[in-house]
Amino acid sequence: MAKFRDRTEDFKDAVQRVALSLDYNESKMAAILASFIMHKPQQRSPFTKAALKTLESIGALEQFLLKHRKDYVDLHRTTEQERDSIEHEVTVFIKACQEQIDVLKTSINDEEVTAKGWLGIRSDKSNADTIAHKHGVILILSERLHSVTSKFDQMRAIRFQDTINRATPRRKLKTLSSSNSMEISNAKKLEPRITNTSEVREFDEVQPEPIRVQEQLLDDETRALQVELTSLLDAVQETETKMVEMSALNHLMSTHVLQQAKQIELLYEQAVEATTNVELGNKELSQAIQRNSSSRTFLLLFLFVLTFSILFLDWYS
């Protein structure tokens, strides 16, 4: 076998001469060679940028929950106002992420409307695949947001249970205090009946005023304690009601998010099925066009042969 000469260096010299003739200096040529090695990153679409921003927001929300979990769950670390502030920030975070996902859904719906051609049929297969991919991205974002909201639901359930546990001893304390006050009053009523009448009279004659003052002070303290316990019980009951309402609303929102995720998954499956149907329809149309062209050719050939046969028979006769 004959050996071939290596002309690589000659090719490089020829390319360099042509580049110098076209006013390309050394820096431009080095930049062109570097572009062949290090490709520039492709420009991301607005949808991709918005989806990445939403994913970053959900990740920031998850990190915020992990950071403030102990502060929110442990009742001895923070106050009720601080826990309410944490809950408000998390709620705002969740609403913002959900709004971003809704914006992405709206953009996909608008793109689907504009991508439909005549009779509502998509003409571009790549565009249909892109829309199906975007539906999958929204499904992933919705599932990620739902997982984060479920973690927050668990934290709120722990707080709600702790609030109930704190309210139960106060109710028991109120019951015990009322029973003790009744026992003390009954004992005071029974003491004059058990003691001797003469001793009671002497005791009343010697110190009538201090005993009455002490009884009055005890009654006032008991009433004040009952009022305070009643106000605390009302505050706890109001907090319990608010926590139940907030938990119900959050559970409802999580349910809606999960339903939307299922709807998005269904839309994704329908988009994939529609893409397959469009491909089959395009194949059928191409086959119908081929059959139509072949039938026209056969008909023209048949008419030409028939005309020629008639002319030949007329000439022959």
C-alpha atoms as a PDB file:
ATOM      1  CA  MET A   1       0.000   0.000   0.000  1.00  0.00           C
ATOM      2  CA  ALA A   2       1.311   3.407  -0.972  1.00  0.00           C
ATOM      3  CA  LYS A   3       2.069   5.844   1.819  1.00  0.00           C
ATOM      4  CA  PHE A   4       0.252   9.201   1.781  1.00  0.00           C
ATOM      5  CA  ARG A   5       2.059  12.409   2.563  1.00  0.00           C
ATOM      6  CA  ASP A   6       0.926  14.387   5.600  1.00  0.00           C
ATOM      7  CA  ARG A   7      -0.235  17.796   4.318  1.00  0.00           C
ATOM      8  CA  THR A   8      -1.518  19.136   7.652  1.00  0.00           C
ATOM      9  CA  GLU A   9       1.188  21.785   7.990  1.00  0.00           C
ATOM     10  CA  ASP A  10       0.630  22.897   4.419  1.00  0.00           C
ATOM     11  CA  PHE A  11      -3.082  23.264   5.133  1.00  0.00           C
ATOM     12  CA  LYS A  12      -2.361  25.349   8.247  1.00  0.00           C
ATOM     13  CA  ASP A  13      -0.015  27.597   6.282  1.00  0.00           C
ATOM     14  CA  ALA A  14      -2.624  28.067   3.566  1.00  0.00           C
ATOM     15  CA  VAL A  15      -5.304  28.956   6.116  1.00  0.00           C
ATOM     16  CA  GLN A  16      -2.970  31.442   7.807  1.00  0.00           C
ATOM     17  CA  ARG A  17      -2.121  33.128   4.473  1.00  0.00           C
ATOM     18  CA  VAL A  18      -5.806  33.451   3.602  1.00  0.00           C
ATOM     19  CA  ALA A  19      -6.572  34.846   7.061  1.00  0.00           C
ATOM     20  CA  LEU A  20      -3.795  37.435   6.755  1.00  0.00           C
ATOM     21  CA  SER A  21      -5.080  38.418   3.331  1.00  0.00           C
ATOM     22  CA  LEU A  22      -8.513  39.017   4.880  1.00  0.00           C
ATOM     23  CA  ASP A  23      -7.011  41.361   7.539  1.00  0.00           C
ATOM     24  CA  TYR A  24      -7.164  38.830  10.397  1.00  0.00           C
ATOM     25  CA  ASN A  25      -4.402  39.501  12.923  1.00  0.00           C
ATOM     26  CA  GLU A  26      -2.980  37.082  15.475  1.00  0.00           C
ATOM     27  CA  SER A  27      -5.433  38.080  18.255  1.00  0.00           C
ATOM     28  CA  LYS A  28      -8.500  37.493  16.056  1.00  0.00           C
ATOM     29  CA  MET A  29      -7.197  34.141  14.923  1.00  0.00           C
ATOM     30  CA  ALA A  30      -6.463  33.121  18.526  1.00  0.00           C
ATOM     31  CA  ALA A  31     -10.016  34.151  19.522  1.00  0.00           C
ATOM     32  CA  ILE A  32     -11.490  32.071  16.678  1.00  0.00           C
ATOM     33  CA  LEU A  33      -9.419  29.026  17.661  1.00  0.00           C
ATOM     34  CA  ALA A  34     -10.435  29.469  21.293  1.00  0.00           C
ATOM     35  CA  SER A  35     -14.104  29.626  20.267  1.00  0.00           C
ATOM     36  CA  PHE A  36     -13.713  26.227  18.618  1.00  0.00           C
ATOM     37  CA  ILE A  37     -12.433  24.774  21.907  1.00  0.00           C
ATOM     38  CA  MET A  38     -14.462  26.712  24.502  1.00  0.00           C
ATOM     39  CA  HIS A  39     -18.024  27.075  23.279  1.00  0.00           C
ATOM     40  CA  LYS A  40     -20.104  29.952  24.512  1.00  0.00           C
ATOM     41  CA  PRO A  41     -23.006  28.993  26.803  1.00  0.00           C
ATOM     42  CA  GLN A  42     -26.371  29.018  25.143  1.00  0.00           C
ATOM     43  CA  GLN A  43     -28.795  31.778  26.027  1.00  0.00           C
ATOM     44  CA  ARG A  44     -31.515  30.541  28.344  1.00  0.00           C
ATOM     45  CA  SER A  45     -35.128  31.159  27.479  1.00  0.00           C
ATOM     46  CA  PRO A  46     -37.334  33.346  29.732  1.00  0.00           C
ATOM     47  CA  PHE A  47     -39.247  30.234  30.820  1.00  0.00           C
ATOM     48  CA  THR A  48     -36.039  28.492  31.908  1.00  0.00           C
ATOM     49  CA  LYS A  49     -34.890  31.568  33.818  1.00  0.00           C
ATOM     50  CA  ALA A  50     -38.276  31.880  35.581  1.00  0.00           C
ATOM     51  CA  ALA A  51     -38.320  28.137  36.409  1.00  0.00           C
ATOM     52  CA  LEU A  52     -34.806  28.296  37.885  1.00  0.00           C
ATOM     53  CA  LYS A  53     -35.782  31.373  39.894  1.00  0.00           C
ATOM     54  CA  THR A  54     -38.847  29.529  41.243  1.00  0.00           C
ATOM     55  CA  LEU A  55     -36.689  26.527  42.136  1.00  0.00           C
ATOM     56  CA  GLU A  56     -34.265  28.809  43.981  1.00  0.00           C
ATOM     57  CA  SER A  57     -37.183  30.378  45.881  1.00  0.00           C
ATOM     58  CA  ILE A  58     -38.469  26.947  46.943  1.00  0.00           C
ATOM     59  CA  GLY A  59     -34.950  25.966  48.018  1.00  0.00           C
ATOM     60  CA  ALA A  60     -34.636  29.197  50.027  1.00  0.00           C
ATOM     61  CA  LEU A  61     -37.984  28.427  51.676  1.00  0.00           C
ATOM     62  CA  GLU A  62     -36.784  24.949  52.623  1.00  0.00           C
ATOM     63  CA  GLN A  63     -33.556  26.343  54.077  1.00  0.00           C
ATOM     64  CA  PHE A  64     -35.551  28.926  56.036  1.00  0.00           C
ATOM     65  CA  LEU A  65     -37.711  26.175  57.547  1.00  0.00           C
ATOM     66  CA  LEU A  66     -34.661  24.111  58.497  1.00  0.00           C
ATOM     67  CA  LYS A  67     -33.008  27.158  60.057  1.00  0.00           C
ATOM     68  CA  HIS A  68     -36.012  28.236  62.157  1.00  0.00           C
ATOM     69  CA  ARG A  69     -37.445  24.800  62.923  1.00  0.00           C
ATOM     70  CA  LYS A  70     -36.170  24.694  66.507  1.00  0.00           C
ATOM     71  CA  ASP A  71     -37.207  28.293  67.132  1.00  0.00           C
ATOM     72  CA  TYR A  72     -40.712  27.557  65.873  1.00  0.00           C
ATOM     73  CA  VAL A  73     -41.258  24.185  67.549  1.00  0.00           C
ATOM     74  CA  ASP A  74     -39.531  24.748  70.904  1.00  0.00           C
ATOM     75  CA  LEU A  75     -41.786  26.977  73.029  1.00  0.00           C
ATOM     76  CA  HIS A  76     -38.957  27.985  75.390  1.00  0.00           C
ATOM     77  CA  ARG A  77     -36.689  29.458  72.701  1.00  0.00           C
ATOM     78  CA  THR A  78     -38.979  32.141  71.240  1.00  0.00           C
ATOM     79  CA  THR A  79     -42.172  34.006  72.067  1.00  0.00           C
ATOM     80  CA  GLU A  80     -45.563  33.725  70.417  1.00  0.00           C
ATOM     81  CA  GLN A  81     -44.965  36.949  68.455  1.00  0.00           C
ATOM     82  CA  GLU A  82     -41.719  35.601  67.002  1.00  0.00           C
ATOM     83  CA  ARG A  83     -43.386  32.331  66.015  1.00  0.00           C
ATOM     84  CA  ASP A  84     -46.230  34.259  64.392  1.00  0.00           C
ATOM     85  CA  SER A  85     -43.650  36.300  62.482  1.00  0.00           C
ATOM     86  CA  ILE A  86     -41.932  33.118  61.243  1.00  0.00           C
ATOM     87  CA  GLU A  87     -45.282  31.681  60.170  1.00  0.00           C
ATOM     88  CA  HIS A  88     -46.178  34.902  58.339  1.00  0.00           C
ATOM     89  CA  GLU A  89     -42.870  34.893  56.436  1.00  0.00           C
ATOM     90  CA  VAL A  90     -43.323  31.253  55.431  1.00  0.00           C
ATOM     91  CA  THR A  91     -46.874  31.944  54.232  1.00  0.00           C
ATOM     92  CA  VAL A  92     -45.648  34.871  52.121  1.00  0.00           C
ATOM     93  CA  PHE A  93     -42.893  32.634  50.694  1.00  0.00           C
ATOM     94  CA  ILE A  94     -45.381  29.926  49.737  1.00  0.00           C
ATOM     95  CA  LYS A  95     -47.757  32.406  48.096  1.00  0.00           C
ATOM     96  CA  ALA A  96     -44.917  33.939  46.085  1.00  0.00           C
ATOM     97  CA  CYS A  97     -43.744  30.521  44.842  1.00  0.00           C
ATOM     98  CA  GLN A  98     -47.305  29.537  43.933  1.00  0.00           C
ATOM     99  CA  GLU A  99     -47.761  32.801  42.002  1.00  0.00           C
ATOM    100  CA  GLN A 100     -44.546  32.147  40.074  1.00  0.00           C
ATOM    101  CA  ILE A 101     -45.776  28.669  39.156  1.00  0.00           C
ATOM    102  CA  ASP A 102     -49.113  30.142  38.039  1.00  0.00           C
ATOM    103  CA  VAL A 103     -47.250  32.615  35.817  1.00  0.00           C
ATOM    104  CA  LEU A 104     -45.339  29.735  34.223  1.00  0.00           C
ATOM    105  CA  LYS A 105     -48.626  27.885  33.611  1.00  0.00           C
ATOM    106  CA  THR A 106     -50.121  30.950  31.973  1.00  0.00           C
ATOM    107  CA  SER A 107     -47.096  31.317  29.687  1.00  0.00           C
ATOM    108  CA  ILE A 108     -47.416  27.665  28.621  1.00  0.00           C
ATOM    109  CA  ASN A 109     -51.132  28.075  27.896  1.00  0.00           C
ATOM    110  CA  ASP A 110     -50.408  31.176  25.791  1.00  0.00           C
ATOM    111  CA  GLU A 111     -47.671  29.321  23.937  1.00  0.00           C
ATOM    112  CA  GLU A 112     -50.038  26.410  23.234  1.00  0.00           C
ATOM    113  CA  VAL A 113     -52.630  28.806  21.822  1.00  0.00           C
ATOM    114  CA  THR A 114     -50.099  30.524  19.559  1.00  0.00           C
ATOM    115  CA  ALA A 115     -48.506  27.222  18.476  1.00  0.00           C
ATOM    116  CA  LYS A 116     -51.752  25.815  17.112  1.00  0.00           C
ATOM    117  CA  GLY A 117     -52.097  26.212  13.415  1.00  0.00           C
ATOM    118  CA  TRP A 118     -55.035  25.765  11.088  1.00  0.00           C
ATOM    119  CA  LEU A 119     -57.918  23.716  12.614  1.00  0.00           C
ATOM    120  CA  GLY A 120     -56.138  23.687  15.977  1.00  0.00           C
ATOM    121  CA  ILE A 121     -53.374  21.283  14.819  1.00  0.00           C
ATOM    122  CA  ARG A 122     -49.760  21.871  15.776  1.00  0.00           C
ATOM    123  CA  SER A 123     -47.540  22.077  12.717  1.00  0.00           C
ATOM    124  CA  ASP A 124     -44.193  21.919  14.531  1.00  0.00           C
ATOM    125  CA  LYS A 125     -43.244  18.701  16.306  1.00  0.00           C
ATOM    126  CA  SER A 126     -40.311  20.241  18.200  1.00  0.00           C
ATOM    127  CA  ASN A 127     -42.597  22.925  19.618  1.00  0.00           C
ATOM    128  CA  ALA A 128     -44.997  20.242  20.917  1.00  0.00           C
ATOM    129  CA  ASP A 129     -42.108  18.424  22.589  1.00  0.00           C
ATOM    130  CA  THR A 130     -40.955  21.682  24.167  1.00  0.00           C
ATOM    131  CA  ILE A 131     -44.421  22.354  25.582  1.00  0.00           C
ATOM    132  CA  ALA A 132     -44.605  18.824  26.992  1.00  0.00           C
ATOM    133  CA  HIS A 133     -41.189  19.333  28.600  1.00  0.00           C
ATOM    134  CA  LYS A 134     -42.396  22.589  30.177  1.00  0.00           C
ATOM    135  CA  HIS A 135     -45.421  20.804  31.622  1.00  0.00           C
ATOM    136  CA  GLY A 136     -43.043  18.323  33.220  1.00  0.00           C
ATOM    137  CA  VAL A 137     -40.967  21.174  34.693  1.00  0.00           C
ATOM    138  CA  ILE A 138     -44.094  22.703  36.266  1.00  0.00           C
ATOM    139  CA  LEU A 139     -45.059  19.294  37.662  1.00  0.00           C
ATOM    140  CA  ILE A 140     -41.655  18.945  39.320  1.00  0.00           C
ATOM    141  CA  LEU A 141     -41.871  22.454  40.808  1.00  0.00           C
ATOM    142  CA  SER A 142     -45.380  21.794  42.149  1.00  0.00           C
ATOM    143  CA  GLU A 143     -44.318  18.522  43.781  1.00  0.00           C
ATOM    144  CA  ARG A 144     -41.282  20.219  45.334  1.00  0.00           C
ATOM    145  CA  LEU A 145     -43.448  23.028  46.742  1.00  0.00           C
ATOM    146  CA  HIS A 146     -45.947  20.501  48.103  1.00  0.00           C
ATOM    147  CA  SER A 147     -43.189  18.597  49.910  1.00  0.00           C
ATOM    148  CA  VAL A 148     -41.980  21.814  51.561  1.00  0.00           C
ATOM    149  CA  THR A 149     -45.515  22.828  52.611  1.00  0.00           C
ATOM    150  CA  SER A 150     -46.078  19.362  54.109  1.00  0.00           C
ATOM    151  CA  LYS A 151     -43.008  19.867  56.310  1.00  0.00           C
ATOM    152  CA  PHE A 152     -44.421  23.194  57.468  1.00  0.00           C
ATOM    153  CA  ASP A 153     -47.750  21.500  58.210  1.00  0.00           C
ATOM    154  CA  GLN A 154     -45.946  19.074  60.504  1.00  0.00           C
ATOM    155  CA  MET A 155     -44.283  21.957  62.337  1.00  0.00           C
ATOM    156  CA  ARG A 156     -47.629  23.717  62.811  1.00  0.00           C
ATOM    157  CA  ALA A 157     -49.204  20.522  64.092  1.00  0.00           C
ATOM    158  CA  ILE A 158     -46.455  20.253  66.731  1.00  0.00           C
ATOM    159  CA  ARG A 159     -47.051  23.845  67.798  1.00  0.00           C
ATOM    160  CA  PHE A 160     -50.792  23.302  67.953  1.00  0.00           C
ATOM    161  CA  GLN A 161     -50.360  20.177  70.089  1.00  0.00           C
ATOM    162  CA  ASP A 162     -48.060  22.028  72.494  1.00  0.00           C
ATOM    163  CA  THR A 163     -50.620  24.805  72.828  1.00  0.00           C
ATOM    164  CA  ILE A 164     -53.307  22.262  73.715  1.00  0.00           C
ATOM    165  CA  ASN A 165     -51.004  20.596  76.238  1.00  0.00           C
ATOM    166  CA  ARG A 166     -50.336  23.929  77.902  1.00  0.00           C
ATOM    167  CA  ALA A 167     -54.036  24.794  78.032  1.00  0.00           C
ATOM    168  CA  THR A 168     -55.037  21.513  79.740  1.00  0.00           C
ATOM    169  CA  PRO A 169     -53.137  22.061  83.074  1.00  0.00           C
ATOM    170  CA  ARG A 170     -54.612  25.560  83.337  1.00  0.00           C
ATOM    171  CA  ARG A 171     -58.105  24.169  83.162  1.00  0.00           C
ATOM    172  CA  LYS A 172     -57.204  21.626  85.855  1.00  0.00           C
ATOM    173  CA  LEU A 173     -55.685  24.412  87.972  1.00  0.00           C
ATOM    174  CA  LYS A 174     -58.885  26.415  87.722  1.00  0.00           C
ATOM    175  CA  THR A 175     -60.945  23.408  88.823  1.00  0.00           C
ATOM    176  CA  LEU A 176     -58.619  22.707  91.755  1.00  0.00           C
ATOM    177  CA  SER A 177     -58.584  26.338  92.896  1.00  0.00           C
ATOM    178  CA  SER A 178     -62.373  26.539  92.841  1.00  0.00           C
ATOM    179  CA  SER A 179     -62.660  23.273  94.805  1.00  0.00           C
ATOM    180  CA  ASN A 180     -60.079  24.447  97.358  1.00  0.00           C
ATOM    181  CA  SER A 181     -61.888  27.737  97.845  1.00  0.00           C
ATOM    182  CA  MET A 182     -65.141  25.876  98.398  1.00  0.00           C
ATOM    183  CA  GLU A 183     -63.465  23.570 100.946  1.00  0.00           C
ATOM    184  CA  ILE A 184     -62.002  26.529 102.821  1.00  0.00           C
ATOM    185  CA  SER A 185     -65.360  28.285 102.936  1.00  0.00           C
ATOM    186  CA  ASN A 186     -67.085  25.110 104.148  1.00  0.00           C
ATOM    187  CA  ALA A 187     -64.444  24.608 106.847  1.00  0.00           C
ATOM    188  CA  LYS A 188     -64.916  28.176 107.993  1.00  0.00           C
ATOM    189  CA  LYS A 189     -68.649  27.599 108.224  1.00  0.00           C
ATOM    190  CA  LEU A 190     -68.222  24.374 110.207  1.00  0.00           C
ATOM    191  CA  GLU A 191     -65.668  25.707 112.704  1.00  0.00           C
ATOM    192  CA  PRO A 192     -68.117  27.866 114.731  1.00  0.00           C
ATOM    193  CA  ARG A 193     -70.508  24.911 115.024  1.00  0.00           C
ATOM    194  CA  ILE A 194     -67.862  22.517 116.411  1.00  0.00           C
ATOM    195  CA  THR A 195     -66.230  24.873 118.925  1.00  0.00           C
ATOM    196  CA  ASN A 196     -67.828  25.854 122.197  1.00  0.00           C
ATOM    197  CA  THR A 197     -70.238  28.743 122.184  1.00  0.00           C
ATOM    198  CA  SER A 198     -68.512  30.509 125.004  1.00  0.00           C
ATOM    199  CA  GLU A 199     -65.096  30.232 123.369  1.00  0.00           C
ATOM    200  CA  VAL A 200     -66.499  31.556 120.106  1.00  0.00           C
ATOM    201  CA  ARG A 201     -68.044  34.481 121.838  1.00  0.00           C
ATOM    202  CA  GLU A 202     -64.819  35.293 123.670  1.00  0.00           C
ATOM    203  CA  PHE A 203     -62.851  34.943 120.380  1.00  0.00           C
ATOM    204  CA  ASP A 204     -65.286  37.212 118.579  1.00  0.00           C
ATOM    205  CA  GLU A 205     -65.164  39.754 121.361  1.00  0.00           C
ATOM    206  CA  VAL A 206     -61.362  39.786 121.443  1.00  0.00           C
ATOM    207  CA  GLN A 207     -60.457  39.755 117.694  1.00  0.00           C
ATOM    208  CA  PRO A 208     -63.506  40.304 115.468  1.00  0.00           C
ATOM    209  CA  GLU A 209     -61.930  42.733 112.993  1.00  0.00           C
ATOM    210  CA  PRO A 210     -58.672  40.987 111.935  1.00  0.00           C
ATOM    211  CA  ILE A 211     -60.492  37.765 111.040  1.00  0.00           C
ATOM    212  CA  ARG A 212     -62.967  39.605 108.869  1.00  0.00           C
ATOM    213  CA  VAL A 213     -60.158  41.500 107.164  1.00  0.00           C
ATOM    214  CA  GLN A 214     -58.283  38.266 106.441  1.00  0.00           C
ATOM    215  CA  GLU A 215     -61.415  36.626 105.083  1.00  0.00           C
ATOM    216  CA  GLN A 216     -62.048  39.614 102.869  1.00  0.00           C
ATOM    217  CA  LEU A 217     -58.464  39.534 101.573  1.00  0.00           C
ATOM    218  CA  LEU A 218     -58.693  35.811 100.850  1.00  0.00           C
ATOM    219  CA  ASP A 219     -61.968  36.319  98.989  1.00  0.00           C
ATOM    220  CA  ASP A 220     -60.476  39.153  96.944  1.00  0.00           C
ATOM    221  CA  GLU A 221     -57.378  37.095  96.063  1.00  0.00           C
ATOM    222  CA  THR A 222     -59.558  34.132  95.100  1.00  0.00           C
ATOM    223  CA  ARG A 223     -61.728  36.294  92.861  1.00  0.00           C
ATOM    224  CA  ALA A 224     -58.690  37.919  91.257  1.00  0.00           C
ATOM    225  CA  LEU A 225     -57.154  34.501  90.636  1.00  0.00           C
ATOM    226  CA  GLN A 226     -60.406  33.252  89.116  1.00  0.00           C
ATOM    227  CA  VAL A 227     -60.606  36.304  86.844  1.00  0.00           C
ATOM    228  CA  GLU A 228     -56.984  35.840  85.741  1.00  0.00           C
ATOM    229  CA  LEU A 229     -57.469  32.130  85.078  1.00  0.00           C
ATOM    230  CA  THR A 230     -60.647  32.847  83.147  1.00  0.00           C
ATOM    231  CA  SER A 231     -58.892  35.430  80.966  1.00  0.00           C
ATOM    232  CA  LEU A 232     -56.000  33.027  80.342  1.00  0.00           C
ATOM    233  CA  LEU A 233     -58.424  30.270  79.451  1.00  0.00           C
ATOM    234  CA  ASP A 234     -60.233  32.560  77.010  1.00  0.00           C
ATOM    235  CA  ALA A 235     -56.926  33.565  75.408  1.00  0.00           C
ATOM    236  CA  VAL A 236     -55.900  29.924  75.055  1.00  0.00           C
ATOM    237  CA  GLN A 237     -59.252  28.988  73.539  1.00  0.00           C
ATOM    238  CA  GLU A 238     -58.974  31.869  71.068  1.00  0.00           C
ATOM    239  CA  THR A 239     -55.444  30.762  70.143  1.00  0.00           C
ATOM    240  CA  GLU A 240     -56.657  27.197  69.687  1.00  0.00           C
ATOM    241  CA  THR A 241     -59.435  28.379  67.385  1.00  0.00           C
ATOM    242  CA  LYS A 242     -57.018  30.435  65.294  1.00  0.00           C
ATOM    243  CA  MET A 243     -54.572  27.545  65.066  1.00  0.00           C
ATOM    244  CA  VAL A 244     -57.325  25.182  63.954  1.00  0.00           C
ATOM    245  CA  GLU A 245     -58.467  27.648  61.285  1.00  0.00           C
ATOM    246  CA  MET A 246     -54.912  28.242  60.063  1.00  0.00           C
ATOM    247  CA  SER A 247     -54.211  24.516  59.972  1.00  0.00           C
ATOM    248  CA  ALA A 248     -57.395  23.916  58.004  1.00  0.00           C
ATOM    249  CA  LEU A 249     -56.533  26.673  55.527  1.00  0.00           C
ATOM    250  CA  ASN A 250     -53.008  25.362  55.084  1.00  0.00           C
ATOM    251  CA  HIS A 251     -54.293  21.821  54.601  1.00  0.00           C
ATOM    252  CA  LEU A 252     -56.750  23.142  52.017  1.00  0.00           C
ATOM    253  CA  MET A 253     -53.975  24.963  50.194  1.00  0.00           C
ATOM    254  CA  SER A 254     -51.797  21.849  50.221  1.00  0.00           C
ATOM    255  CA  THR A 255     -54.700  19.830  48.849  1.00  0.00           C
ATOM    256  CA  HIS A 256     -55.186  22.347  46.037  1.00  0.00           C
ATOM    257  CA  VAL A 257     -51.474  22.262  45.229  1.00  0.00           C
ATOM    258  CA  LEU A 258     -51.573  18.460  45.067  1.00  0.00           C
ATOM    259  CA  GLN A 259     -54.656  18.574  42.840  1.00  0.00           C
ATOM    260  CA  GLN A 260     -52.906  21.018  40.550  1.00  0.00           C
ATOM    261  CA  ALA A 261     -49.890  18.735  40.419  1.00  0.00           C
ATOM    262  CA  LYS A 262     -52.136  15.833  39.385  1.00  0.00           C
ATOM    263  CA  GLN A 263     -53.818  18.030  36.764  1.00  0.00           C
ATOM    264  CA  ILE A 264     -50.426  19.054  35.406  1.00  0.00           C
ATOM    265  CA  GLU A 265     -49.373  15.422  35.211  1.00  0.00           C
ATOM    266  CA  LEU A 266     -52.581  14.634  33.334  1.00  0.00           C
ATOM    267  CA  LEU A 267     -51.923  17.550  30.977  1.00  0.00           C
ATOM    268  CA  TYR A 268     -48.409  16.275  30.402  1.00  0.00           C
ATOM    269  CA  GLU A 269     -49.717  12.813  29.459  1.00  0.00           C
ATOM    270  CA  GLN A 270     -52.302  14.390  27.178  1.00  0.00           C
ATOM    271  CA  ALA A 271     -49.602  16.527  25.558  1.00  0.00           C
ATOM    272  CA  VAL A 272     -47.477  13.452  24.885  1.00  0.00           C
ATOM    273  CA  GLU A 273     -50.491  11.624  23.476  1.00  0.00           C
ATOM    274  CA  ALA A 274     -51.379  14.642  21.322  1.00  0.00           C
ATOM    275  CA  THR A 275     -47.813  14.728  20.005  1.00  0.00           C
ATOM    276  CA  THR A 276     -48.098  11.074  18.985  1.00  0.00           C
ATOM    277  CA  ASN A 277     -51.458  11.713  17.323  1.00  0.00           C
ATOM    278  CA  VAL A 278     -50.004  14.664  15.391  1.00  0.00           C
ATOM    279  CA  GLU A 279     -47.141  12.493  14.160  1.00  0.00           C
ATOM    280  CA  LEU A 280     -49.586   9.806  12.984  1.00  0.00           C
ATOM    281  CA  GLY A 281     -51.744  12.478  11.327  1.00  0.00           C
ATOM    282  CA  ASN A 282     -48.751  13.893   9.474  1.00  0.00           C
ATOM    283  CA  LYS A 283     -47.846  10.409   8.222  1.00  0.00           C
ATOM    284  CA  GLU A 284     -51.411   9.822   7.053  1.00  0.00           C
ATOM    285  CA  LEU A 285     -51.461  13.181   5.257  1.00  0.00           C
ATOM    286  CA  SER A 286     -48.177  12.455   3.497  1.00  0.00           C
ATOM    287  CA  GLN A 287     -49.467   9.043   2.407  1.00  0.00           C
ATOM    288  CA  ALA A 288     -52.720  10.593   1.184  1.00  0.00           C
ATOM    289  CA  ILE A 289     -50.758  13.166  -0.839  1.00  0.00           C
ATOM    290  CA  GLN A 290     -48.675  10.403  -2.407  1.00  0.00           C
ATOM    291  CA  ARG A 291     -51.795   8.389  -3.275  1.00  0.00           C
ATOM    292  CA  ASN A 292     -53.416  11.462  -4.791  1.00  0.00           C
ATOM    293  CA  SER A 293     -50.389  12.227  -6.969  1.00  0.00           C
ATOM    294  CA  SER A 294     -50.086   8.605  -8.138  1.00  0.00           C
ATOM    295  CA  SER A 295     -53.789   8.431  -8.967  1.00  0.00           C
ATOM    296  CA  ARG A 296     -53.541  11.619 -11.011  1.00  0.00           C
ATOM    297  CA  THR A 297     -50.572  10.251 -12.940  1.00  0.00           C
ATOM    298  CA  PHE A 298     -52.397   6.991 -13.660  1.00  0.00           C
ATOM    299  CA  LEU A 299     -55.523   8.870 -14.795  1.00  0.00           C
ATOM    300  CA  LEU A 300     -53.550  11.116 -17.158  1.00  0.00           C
ATOM    301  CA  LEU A 301     -51.718   8.123 -18.602  1.00  0.00           C
ATOM    302  CA  PHE A 302     -54.974   6.263 -19.082  1.00  0.00           C
ATOM    303  CA  LEU A 303     -56.581   9.227 -20.901  1.00  0.00           C
ATOM    304  CA  PHE A 304     -53.504   9.653 -23.098  1.00  0.00           C
ATOM    305  CA  VAL A 305     -53.471   5.958 -24.103  1.00  0.00           C
ATOM    306  CA  LEU A 306     -57.220   5.992 -24.741  1.00  0.00           C
ATOM    307  CA  THR A 307     -56.965   9.105 -26.904  1.00  0.00           C
ATOM    308  CA  PHE A 308     -54.078   7.670 -28.876  1.00  0.00           C
ATOM    309  CA  SER A 309     -55.963   4.374 -29.382  1.00  0.00           C
ATOM    310  CA  ILE A 310     -59.036   6.186 -30.715  1.00  0.00           C
ATOM    311  CA  LEU A 311     -56.917   8.248 -33.127  1.00  0.00           C
ATOM    312  CA  PHE A 312     -55.087   5.148 -34.296  1.00  0.00           C
ATOM    313  CA  LEU A 313     -58.298   3.212 -34.884  1.00  0.00           C
ATOM    314  CA  ASP A 314     -59.771   6.163 -36.754  1.00  0.00           C
ATOM    315  CA  TRP A 315     -56.699   6.439 -38.938  1.00  0.00           C
ATOM    316  CA  TYR A 316     -56.587   2.689 -39.507  1.00  0.00           C
ATOM    317  CA  SER A 317     -60.225   2.496 -40.567  1.00  0.00           C
END
